[in-house]
Protein backbone atom coordinates (compact mmCIF):
# COMPACT_ATOMS: atom_id res chain seq x y z
CA MET A 1 0.02 -0.18 -0.17
CA LEU A 2 3.24 2.47 0.62
CA LEU A 3 4.60 1.06 -2.49
CA PHE A 4 1.63 2.65 -4.83
CA GLY A 5 0.38 5.73 -2.88
CA ILE A 6 4.43 6.77 -3.10
CA GLN A 7 3.87 6.08 -6.70
CA HIS A 8 0.37 8.60 -6.64
CA VAL A 9 3.43 10.64 -4.65
CA LEU A 10 5.63 10.69 -7.18
CA VAL A 11 3.24 11.54 -10.74
CA MET A 12 1.48 14.75 -8.57
CA ALA A 13 4.41 15.58 -6.50
CA ALA A 14 5.88 18.47 -9.72
CA THR A 15 2.92 19.86 -9.88
CA PRO A 16 3.25 21.59 -5.98
CA ILE A 17 6.78 22.53 -6.80
CA SER A 18 6.20 24.18 -9.72
CA ALA A 19 3.25 25.98 -8.77
CA ILE A 20 4.93 27.20 -5.26
CA PHE A 21 8.14 28.36 -7.81
CA LEU A 22 6.29 29.71 -10.11
CA MET A 23 4.31 32.07 -7.44
CA SER A 24 8.59 32.87 -6.00
CA ALA A 25 9.13 33.40 -9.24
CA THR A 26 6.52 36.02 -10.24
CA LEU A 27 6.22 37.46 -6.62
CA ARG A 28 10.05 37.30 -5.67
CA LEU A 29 9.49 35.99 -2.53
CA ASP A 30 12.67 35.12 -0.24
CA ASP A 31 13.93 31.52 0.03
CA GLY A 32 13.05 31.17 3.05
CA LEU A 33 9.47 31.87 2.80
CA THR A 34 9.61 29.19 -0.72
CA VAL A 35 10.40 26.47 1.58
CA LYS A 36 7.62 27.56 3.61
CA LEU A 37 5.47 27.60 1.62
CA LEU A 38 6.28 24.85 -0.04
CA SER A 39 6.32 22.71 2.84
CA ALA A 40 2.40 23.55 3.56
CA ALA A 41 2.15 22.75 0.05
CA PHE A 42 2.35 18.94 1.09
CA VAL A 43 1.02 19.02 4.31
CA LEU A 44 -1.72 20.74 2.55
CA SER A 45 -2.10 18.14 -0.37
CA GLY A 46 -1.75 15.35 2.24
CA ILE A 47 -4.23 16.31 4.57
CA GLY A 48 -6.72 17.47 1.30
CA SER A 49 -5.73 13.85 -0.18
CA LEU A 50 -6.86 11.87 3.94
CA ILE A 51 -10.49 14.37 3.57
CA GLN A 52 -10.81 13.28 0.29
CA SER A 53 -10.84 9.36 -0.02
CA LEU A 54 -11.80 8.63 3.67
CA GLY A 55 -14.59 11.09 3.99
CA PRO A 56 -15.25 12.22 7.48
CA TRP A 57 -18.47 13.99 8.27
CA LYS A 58 -19.90 14.48 5.31
CA PHE A 59 -16.62 16.24 4.07
CA GLY A 60 -14.36 13.89 0.86
CA PRO A 61 -16.91 11.23 -1.00
CA ARG A 62 -13.92 8.75 0.05
CA LEU A 63 -13.24 8.25 -3.17
CA PRO A 64 -9.14 7.69 -3.74
CA PHE A 65 -8.11 11.24 -4.67
CA VAL A 66 -5.45 13.30 -4.06
CA MET A 67 -5.47 17.07 -3.95
CA LEU A 68 -3.10 20.10 -4.91
CA PRO A 69 -2.07 23.57 -5.58
CA GLY A 70 -4.04 24.34 -9.15
CA GLY A 71 -2.83 25.26 -11.82
CA ALA A 72 -5.61 27.80 -12.91
CA PRO A 73 -6.63 28.70 -9.12
CA LEU A 74 -2.93 29.32 -8.70
CA ILE A 75 -2.48 32.30 -12.36
CA LEU A 76 -5.98 33.73 -10.21
CA PHE A 77 -4.33 33.68 -7.44
CA LEU A 78 -0.84 35.67 -8.88
CA ALA A 79 -2.95 38.21 -10.47
CA ILE A 80 -5.07 38.84 -6.84
CA ALA A 81 -1.77 39.44 -5.27
CA GLU A 82 0.23 41.45 -7.99
CA GLN A 83 -3.05 43.83 -8.21
CA HIS A 84 -4.08 44.09 -4.25
CA GLY A 85 -1.54 42.45 -2.61
CA LEU A 86 -0.68 39.23 -0.88
CA ARG A 87 -2.48 39.68 2.01
CA THR A 88 -5.71 40.01 -0.37
CA ALA A 89 -5.10 37.69 -2.51
CA THR A 90 -4.67 35.05 0.46
CA GLY A 91 -8.17 37.37 1.97
CA ALA A 92 -9.23 35.90 -1.18
CA VAL A 93 -8.16 32.51 -1.54
CA ILE A 94 -10.55 31.68 2.13
CA LEU A 95 -13.60 34.23 0.62
CA THR A 96 -13.86 31.09 -2.26
CA ALA A 97 -13.87 28.80 0.09
CA ALA A 98 -16.07 29.96 2.19
CA PHE A 99 -18.32 30.89 -1.55
CA TYR A 100 -18.08 27.23 -2.11
CA PHE A 101 -19.79 25.96 0.66
CA LEU A 102 -22.78 29.69 0.36
CA VAL A 103 -23.83 28.08 -3.67
CA LEU A 104 -23.36 24.49 -3.04
CA PRO A 105 -27.14 23.53 -1.98
CA VAL A 106 -27.86 25.41 -5.19
CA PHE A 107 -25.02 23.77 -6.79
CA SER A 108 -26.32 20.78 -5.49
CA ARG A 109 -29.43 21.07 -8.02
CA LEU A 110 -28.03 21.68 -10.57
CA LEU A 111 -26.42 17.71 -10.48
CA ALA A 112 -29.51 16.80 -13.30
CA PHE A 113 -28.81 19.26 -16.02
CA PHE A 114 -24.37 17.81 -16.07
CA PRO A 115 -25.47 14.16 -17.41
CA ALA A 116 -22.82 11.46 -19.39
CA LEU A 117 -22.74 13.81 -22.03
CA VAL A 118 -22.14 17.32 -20.46
CA ILE A 119 -19.40 15.06 -18.13
CA GLY A 120 -17.66 12.80 -21.13
CA THR A 121 -16.98 16.22 -23.17
CA MET A 122 -16.09 18.19 -19.73
CA ILE A 123 -13.45 14.95 -19.26
CA VAL A 124 -12.05 14.26 -23.13
CA ILE A 125 -11.33 18.29 -22.54
CA VAL A 126 -9.37 18.27 -19.23
CA GLY A 127 -7.48 15.66 -20.92
CA VAL A 128 -6.41 17.44 -23.51
CA ASN A 129 -5.63 19.76 -21.23
CA LEU A 130 -3.30 18.00 -18.98
CA VAL A 131 -1.71 16.01 -21.87
CA LYS A 132 -0.56 19.56 -23.45
CA VAL A 133 0.29 20.14 -19.66
CA GLY A 134 2.95 17.10 -19.76
CA ALA A 135 3.84 17.80 -22.42
CA VAL A 136 5.00 21.29 -22.04
CA LEU A 137 7.34 19.70 -19.20
CA VAL A 138 8.69 17.71 -21.37
CA THR A 139 9.18 20.58 -24.15
CA GLY A 140 8.94 23.60 -22.23
CA ARG A 141 7.41 26.70 -23.93
CA PRO A 142 7.48 27.77 -27.85
CA GLY A 143 9.48 30.98 -27.65
CA SER A 144 11.20 29.89 -24.95
CA PRO A 145 15.08 29.16 -23.84
CA GLY A 146 15.94 25.63 -24.77
CA PHE A 147 12.58 24.84 -26.31
CA ALA A 148 12.28 21.10 -27.76
CA ASP A 149 15.65 20.89 -26.47
CA THR A 150 16.53 16.68 -28.06
CA THR A 151 17.66 15.70 -25.11
CA ASN A 152 15.06 16.05 -22.98
CA LEU A 153 12.61 14.83 -25.74
CA VAL A 154 14.23 12.34 -25.59
CA LEU A 155 14.01 11.39 -22.09
CA GLY A 156 10.19 12.05 -22.29
CA MET A 157 10.10 9.73 -24.73
CA ALA A 158 11.96 6.81 -22.89
CA THR A 159 10.86 7.76 -20.32
CA ILE A 160 7.12 6.29 -21.73
CA GLY A 161 9.21 3.69 -23.51
CA PHE A 162 10.21 2.83 -20.44
CA THR A 163 6.62 2.19 -18.31
CA VAL A 164 5.22 0.45 -21.68
CA VAL A 165 8.14 -2.22 -20.87
CA PHE A 166 7.32 -2.29 -17.73
CA TYR A 167 3.63 -2.60 -18.25
CA LEU A 168 4.18 -5.64 -21.31
CA LEU A 169 6.50 -7.82 -19.49
CA PHE A 170 5.56 -7.15 -15.82
CA THR A 171 2.73 -8.42 -14.39
CA GLY A 172 1.19 -8.76 -10.61
CA VAL A 173 2.06 -6.43 -8.01
CA LEU A 174 5.27 -5.05 -10.92
CA ARG A 175 3.14 -4.01 -13.51
CA GLN A 176 0.42 -2.26 -11.07
CA LEU A 177 3.49 -0.37 -10.44
CA ALA A 178 4.23 0.00 -14.11
CA VAL A 179 4.63 4.31 -13.81
CA MET A 180 6.61 4.55 -10.77
CA LEU A 181 9.13 2.23 -12.43
CA GLY A 182 8.74 4.20 -15.42
CA LEU A 183 9.73 7.51 -13.76
CA LEU A 184 11.53 6.47 -11.56
CA ALA A 185 14.51 4.48 -14.75
CA GLY A 186 14.15 7.34 -16.51
CA THR A 187 15.54 9.76 -13.20
CA THR A 188 18.39 7.45 -13.75
CA LEU A 189 19.02 7.62 -17.61
CA ALA A 190 18.69 11.50 -16.76
CA ALA A 191 20.79 11.17 -13.85
CA LEU A 192 24.12 9.04 -16.56
CA LEU A 193 22.72 12.06 -19.19
CA GLY A 194 24.15 14.55 -16.90
CA ARG A 195 21.05 16.12 -16.73
CA MET A 196 20.11 15.72 -12.61
CA ASP A 197 21.82 18.81 -10.56
CA LEU A 198 21.43 16.66 -6.76
CA GLY A 199 24.25 19.09 -5.05
CA SER A 200 20.86 21.48 -3.84
CA ALA A 201 19.30 17.98 -2.88
CA VAL A 202 21.80 17.53 0.35
CA GLU A 203 22.30 21.73 1.57
CA GLY A 204 20.24 22.45 3.76
CA GLY A 205 18.57 21.75 7.23
CA LEU A 206 16.55 18.23 8.21
CA VAL A 207 13.00 19.60 8.79
CA SER A 208 10.67 22.01 7.16
CA LEU A 209 7.80 24.00 9.33
CA PRO A 210 4.67 25.49 7.47
CA GLU A 211 4.03 29.29 8.60
CA ALA A 212 0.97 30.02 8.57
CA MET A 213 -0.34 33.44 7.46
CA PRO A 214 3.08 33.69 5.96
CA PHE A 215 2.22 37.59 4.05
CA GLY A 216 0.30 38.46 7.29
CA SER A 217 -3.38 38.78 8.61
CA PRO A 218 -5.16 38.61 5.64
CA GLN A 219 -7.38 41.01 3.59
CA PHE A 220 -10.78 40.44 2.52
CA ASN A 221 -12.16 42.05 -0.87
CA LEU A 222 -15.32 41.01 -2.39
CA LEU A 223 -14.86 42.21 -5.51
CA ALA A 224 -10.65 41.33 -5.45
CA ALA A 225 -12.37 37.59 -4.96
CA LEU A 226 -14.45 38.19 -7.54
CA PRO A 227 -13.00 36.30 -10.69
CA LEU A 228 -12.02 33.42 -8.47
CA MET A 229 -15.38 32.88 -6.59
CA LEU A 230 -16.22 32.94 -10.99
CA TYR A 231 -13.90 30.25 -11.05
CA SER A 232 -15.61 28.37 -8.27
CA LEU A 233 -18.41 27.22 -10.21
CA ALA A 234 -15.98 26.41 -13.11
CA SER A 235 -14.35 23.68 -10.52
CA MET A 236 -17.98 22.57 -8.84
CA ALA A 237 -18.33 21.24 -12.63
CA GLU A 238 -15.16 19.38 -12.59
CA ALA A 239 -15.54 18.02 -9.65
CA THR A 240 -18.50 16.79 -10.63
CA GLY A 241 -16.56 15.46 -13.55
CA GLN A 242 -13.86 13.47 -11.62
CA THR A 243 -16.01 12.47 -8.86
CA VAL A 244 -18.09 10.55 -11.34
CA ILE A 245 -14.90 8.90 -13.38
CA ASN A 246 -13.21 8.67 -10.78
CA ALA A 247 -15.99 6.50 -9.27
CA GLU A 248 -16.35 3.99 -11.91
CA ALA A 249 -12.46 3.89 -12.38
CA VAL A 250 -12.41 1.73 -9.60
CA GLY A 251 -16.72 0.04 -10.11
CA LYS A 252 -18.20 1.88 -7.18
CA ASP A 253 -21.31 3.32 -7.73
CA ILE A 254 -22.21 6.72 -5.98
CA ASP A 255 -25.15 9.00 -5.48
CA ARG A 256 -24.19 11.93 -7.43
CA ARG A 257 -26.33 14.12 -5.13
CA THR A 258 -24.59 13.59 -2.35
CA ALA A 259 -20.73 11.97 -3.26
CA VAL A 260 -20.40 15.08 -5.50
CA PRO A 261 -20.93 18.06 -2.71
CA ALA A 262 -19.19 16.04 -0.27
CA THR A 263 -15.98 16.23 -2.64
CA VAL A 264 -16.71 19.59 -3.23
CA ARG A 265 -16.80 20.16 0.41
CA GLY A 266 -13.33 18.54 0.81
CA ASP A 267 -11.76 20.87 -1.60
CA ALA A 268 -13.44 23.96 0.51
CA LEU A 269 -12.02 22.59 4.00
CA THR A 270 -8.70 22.05 2.18
CA SER A 271 -8.55 25.44 0.03
CA LEU A 272 -10.14 27.38 3.57
CA LEU A 273 -6.56 25.66 5.37
CA GLY A 274 -4.47 26.32 2.68
CA GLY A 275 -4.76 30.10 2.73
CA CYS A 276 -4.44 30.75 6.19
CA PHE A 277 -0.69 29.41 5.59
CA GLY A 278 -0.41 31.14 2.43
CA LEU A 279 -1.63 28.75 -0.40
CA PRO A 280 -4.10 29.06 -3.65
CA LEU A 281 -7.60 27.18 -3.90
CA MET A 282 -6.13 23.37 -3.79
CA VAL A 283 -8.12 21.13 -6.12
CA THR A 284 -9.00 17.59 -6.77
CA SER A 285 -6.41 16.28 -8.89
CA GLY A 286 -6.65 14.27 -11.93
CA GLU A 287 -3.73 12.29 -12.11
CA ASN A 288 -4.20 9.45 -9.53
CA ILE A 289 -7.62 8.93 -11.14
CA GLY A 290 -5.94 7.61 -14.55
CA ILE A 291 -2.76 5.87 -12.44
CA VAL A 292 -6.04 4.14 -10.55
CA ARG A 293 -7.07 2.77 -14.56
CA VAL A 294 -4.09 2.07 -15.00
CA THR A 295 -2.59 -0.19 -12.64
CA GLY A 296 -6.10 -1.55 -11.48
CA VAL A 297 -5.72 -0.50 -7.55
CA ARG A 298 -8.26 0.90 -6.87
CA SER A 299 -8.71 1.10 -2.77
CA ARG A 300 -8.67 4.64 -1.43
CA TYR A 301 -6.51 3.67 1.52
CA VAL A 302 -3.73 3.60 -1.47
CA THR A 303 -4.32 7.43 -1.78
CA ALA A 304 -4.36 7.93 2.40
CA ALA A 305 -1.91 6.80 2.42
CA ALA A 306 -0.37 8.79 -0.69
CA GLY A 307 -1.76 11.60 1.66
CA VAL A 308 1.03 10.67 4.83
CA VAL A 309 3.23 10.81 2.40
CA LEU A 310 2.96 14.19 1.29
CA ILE A 311 2.29 14.96 4.36
CA ALA A 312 5.67 13.47 6.00
CA ILE A 313 7.77 15.02 2.73
CA GLY A 314 5.86 18.55 3.95
CA PHE A 315 7.75 18.52 7.43
CA LEU A 316 11.20 16.33 5.95
CA ALA A 317 12.78 19.14 4.53
CA PRO A 318 15.72 16.77 2.66
CA VAL A 319 12.48 14.59 0.59
CA THR A 320 11.42 17.65 -0.51
CA ARG A 321 14.84 18.19 -1.90
CA ALA A 322 14.75 15.46 -3.41
CA ILE A 323 11.23 14.67 -5.52
CA SER A 324 12.43 18.44 -6.73
CA VAL A 325 15.26 17.63 -8.81
CA ILE A 326 14.04 15.23 -10.41
CA PRO A 327 14.01 16.20 -13.79
CA SER A 328 10.78 18.28 -15.34
CA ALA A 329 11.10 16.52 -18.88
CA VAL A 330 10.74 12.52 -17.07
CA VAL A 331 8.12 13.66 -14.48
CA GLY A 332 6.65 14.69 -18.12
CA GLY A 333 6.76 11.57 -19.60
CA THR A 334 5.52 10.00 -16.93
CA ALA A 335 2.63 13.05 -17.38
CA MET A 336 1.75 12.50 -20.84
CA VAL A 337 0.77 8.91 -19.69
CA VAL A 338 -1.75 9.11 -17.20
CA PHE A 339 -3.49 12.25 -18.84
CA ALA A 340 -3.95 10.82 -21.99
CA VAL A 341 -6.52 7.73 -19.90
CA ILE A 342 -8.58 10.28 -18.65
CA THR A 343 -9.12 11.61 -22.21
CA VAL A 344 -9.88 8.56 -23.11
CA LEU A 345 -11.97 7.72 -19.37
CA GLY A 346 -13.56 10.10 -21.33
CA VAL A 347 -14.13 9.03 -24.96
CA GLN A 348 -15.57 5.94 -22.92
CA MET A 349 -18.30 7.91 -21.19
CA LEU A 350 -19.35 10.09 -24.10
CA GLY A 351 -19.05 6.43 -26.14
CA ARG A 352 -22.47 5.33 -23.56
CA SER A 353 -24.13 8.90 -24.10
CA ASP A 354 -25.96 7.58 -27.23
CA LEU A 355 -23.94 9.84 -29.93
CA ASP A 356 -25.57 8.76 -32.55
CA ARG A 357 -28.33 11.18 -32.01
CA HIS A 358 -27.52 14.55 -34.04
CA THR A 359 -28.31 16.48 -31.23
CA HIS A 360 -25.80 15.26 -28.90
CA THR A 361 -23.37 14.92 -31.41
CA PHE A 362 -23.91 18.49 -32.39
CA VAL A 363 -23.55 19.04 -27.69
CA CYS A 364 -20.41 17.66 -27.82
CA ALA A 365 -19.05 19.31 -31.50
CA VAL A 366 -19.95 22.63 -30.13
CA ALA A 367 -18.36 22.29 -26.66
CA LEU A 368 -15.53 20.97 -27.59
CA ALA A 369 -14.80 23.13 -30.54
CA LEU A 370 -15.10 26.09 -27.79
CA GLY A 371 -13.94 24.58 -24.94
CA LEU A 372 -10.64 23.39 -26.85
CA LEU A 373 -10.30 26.89 -28.72
CA PRO A 374 -7.72 28.48 -26.14
CA ILE A 375 -6.04 24.66 -25.54
CA LEU A 376 -4.91 24.48 -28.75
CA ILE A 377 -4.37 28.42 -30.09
CA PRO A 378 -3.01 30.24 -26.54
CA GLY A 379 -4.07 33.13 -25.94
CA VAL A 380 -7.16 33.82 -28.27
CA TYR A 381 -8.88 36.57 -26.07
CA ALA A 382 -5.54 38.50 -25.07
CA GLY A 383 -8.15 41.35 -26.78
CA PHE A 384 -11.05 40.41 -24.00
CA PRO A 385 -11.22 42.46 -20.13
CA PRO A 386 -8.21 40.95 -18.22
CA ASN A 387 -11.15 39.82 -15.86
CA LEU A 388 -13.60 37.91 -18.88
CA ARG A 389 -10.39 37.16 -19.99
CA ILE A 390 -9.43 33.95 -17.85
CA LEU A 391 -12.43 33.05 -16.57
CA LEU A 392 -12.71 32.70 -21.20
CA GLU A 393 -8.58 30.92 -21.65
CA SER A 394 -10.00 27.97 -18.95
CA GLY A 395 -11.03 25.55 -22.38
CA VAL A 396 -12.30 23.09 -19.03
CA ALA A 397 -15.14 26.81 -18.12
CA VAL A 398 -15.82 27.38 -21.20
CA GLY A 399 -16.29 23.85 -22.18
CA ALA A 400 -19.22 22.92 -19.89
CA PHE A 401 -20.88 25.80 -19.51
CA VAL A 402 -21.42 24.94 -23.40
CA ALA A 403 -22.17 21.47 -23.06
CA ALA A 404 -24.52 22.13 -19.94
CA VAL A 405 -26.18 25.01 -22.13
CA LEU A 406 -26.49 23.45 -24.72
CA ASN A 407 -28.06 20.25 -23.26
CA VAL A 408 -30.58 22.59 -21.90
CA LEU A 409 -31.83 24.15 -24.67
CA PHE A 410 -31.71 21.23 -27.17
CA HIS A 411 -33.29 18.79 -24.46
CA HIS A 412 -35.39 20.27 -21.50
CA VAL A 413 -36.40 23.81 -23.30
CA ARG A 414 -36.92 22.81 -26.38
CA PRO A 415 -39.14 19.50 -25.36
CA GLY A 416 -41.12 21.46 -22.94
CA ILE A 417 -41.65 24.36 -26.04
CA ALA A 418 -42.61 21.24 -28.46
CA ALA A 419 -45.23 20.18 -26.05
CA ARG A 420 -47.16 22.71 -25.27
CA LEU A 421 -46.90 24.05 -29.04
CA ALA A 422 -48.81 20.49 -29.39
CA THR A 423 -51.31 20.71 -26.74
CA SER A 424 -52.62 24.27 -28.74
CA ARG A 425 -52.61 22.46 -32.25
CA THR A 426 -54.67 19.43 -29.59
CA GLU A 427 -56.51 22.30 -28.53
CA SER A 428 -57.05 24.41 -31.24
CA GLU A 429 -58.30 21.43 -33.76
CA ARG A 430 -61.07 20.34 -30.72
């Protein structure tokens, strides 16, 4: 169980590390504060994973989830911090966490408007977006120095190849650990090619402790927090899809009316705690869903074990530094495989959505077109106002919104109007 938990940690560890390093570079934080934030990110990721996996007091759906600092919420956090200061950004996270609890009763009543057609479309967009994120870890961003470096491409592709070979040759427990073994093999290759700097892994102290309110007491500004609150609605829609797809991956029959709100409450509680330690919103990770499907290990106690490991990493500074030296190209190669599995899960869900019906095909096509647009063409909304641009550039939010609205129009509003017109004609004929 510990090995399987470590496998989850290894796949997602690059996300909190890169998130905190991006915060540090953008906001020009000192090294001491960066270490404390990194410690807090691992500890809160662990606490959130425990909450979602074990489900205490209606917090968490009791499914194998791992939590981490979100990508889009991090960008929003940085934008608020640059415009209004770090204390206001921290206050915005806390306000948004409270907003989750406030709107959840209303949102849970809307789950009937998120059938498999809508959720499957959203999961496909999530998967494609995550594959792109993994690929950027291998290639670097277009236009940046060292973009598509040959050695990095070799490391990323070799990591994928190692994973395939291990999954092909091994059986039983070793096959279930193929993702982790592929990551370790890729890391070993990187060391042999001289692409690992081990010096930083042995420097510094033994223990790193998170610091409460590292930026000072939070300041609460509803207007500044509004973009983050609006994003939280999309985050709840994404949590809906992740909860359903995770339950399907483990073969668990859930009641969405109770399981989805439990996931959202877990996100809200973890984000509330994270805000008190200077972190952006915490979200359930999509990576572990792919890990569950690839390995076949369905126990939620495995991700609970991952939560314990994450908390331990947060307190053990040498372990955190050792994980941070794994080359991004190796992590990206592993992530691409896992994220692609999520895309396949979305396609499978769409396959059960009766796409032979023309209206279902049309709804899916339009939502995919608009949802994938900002992912495939970055900067397409550069001319729009900043707050609107932040929302439009979230392909997942756009795809989910479009699919949900079109589903309501085609399958709820239009049939109702047609029924009224038919009734009116019948009465007039009489």
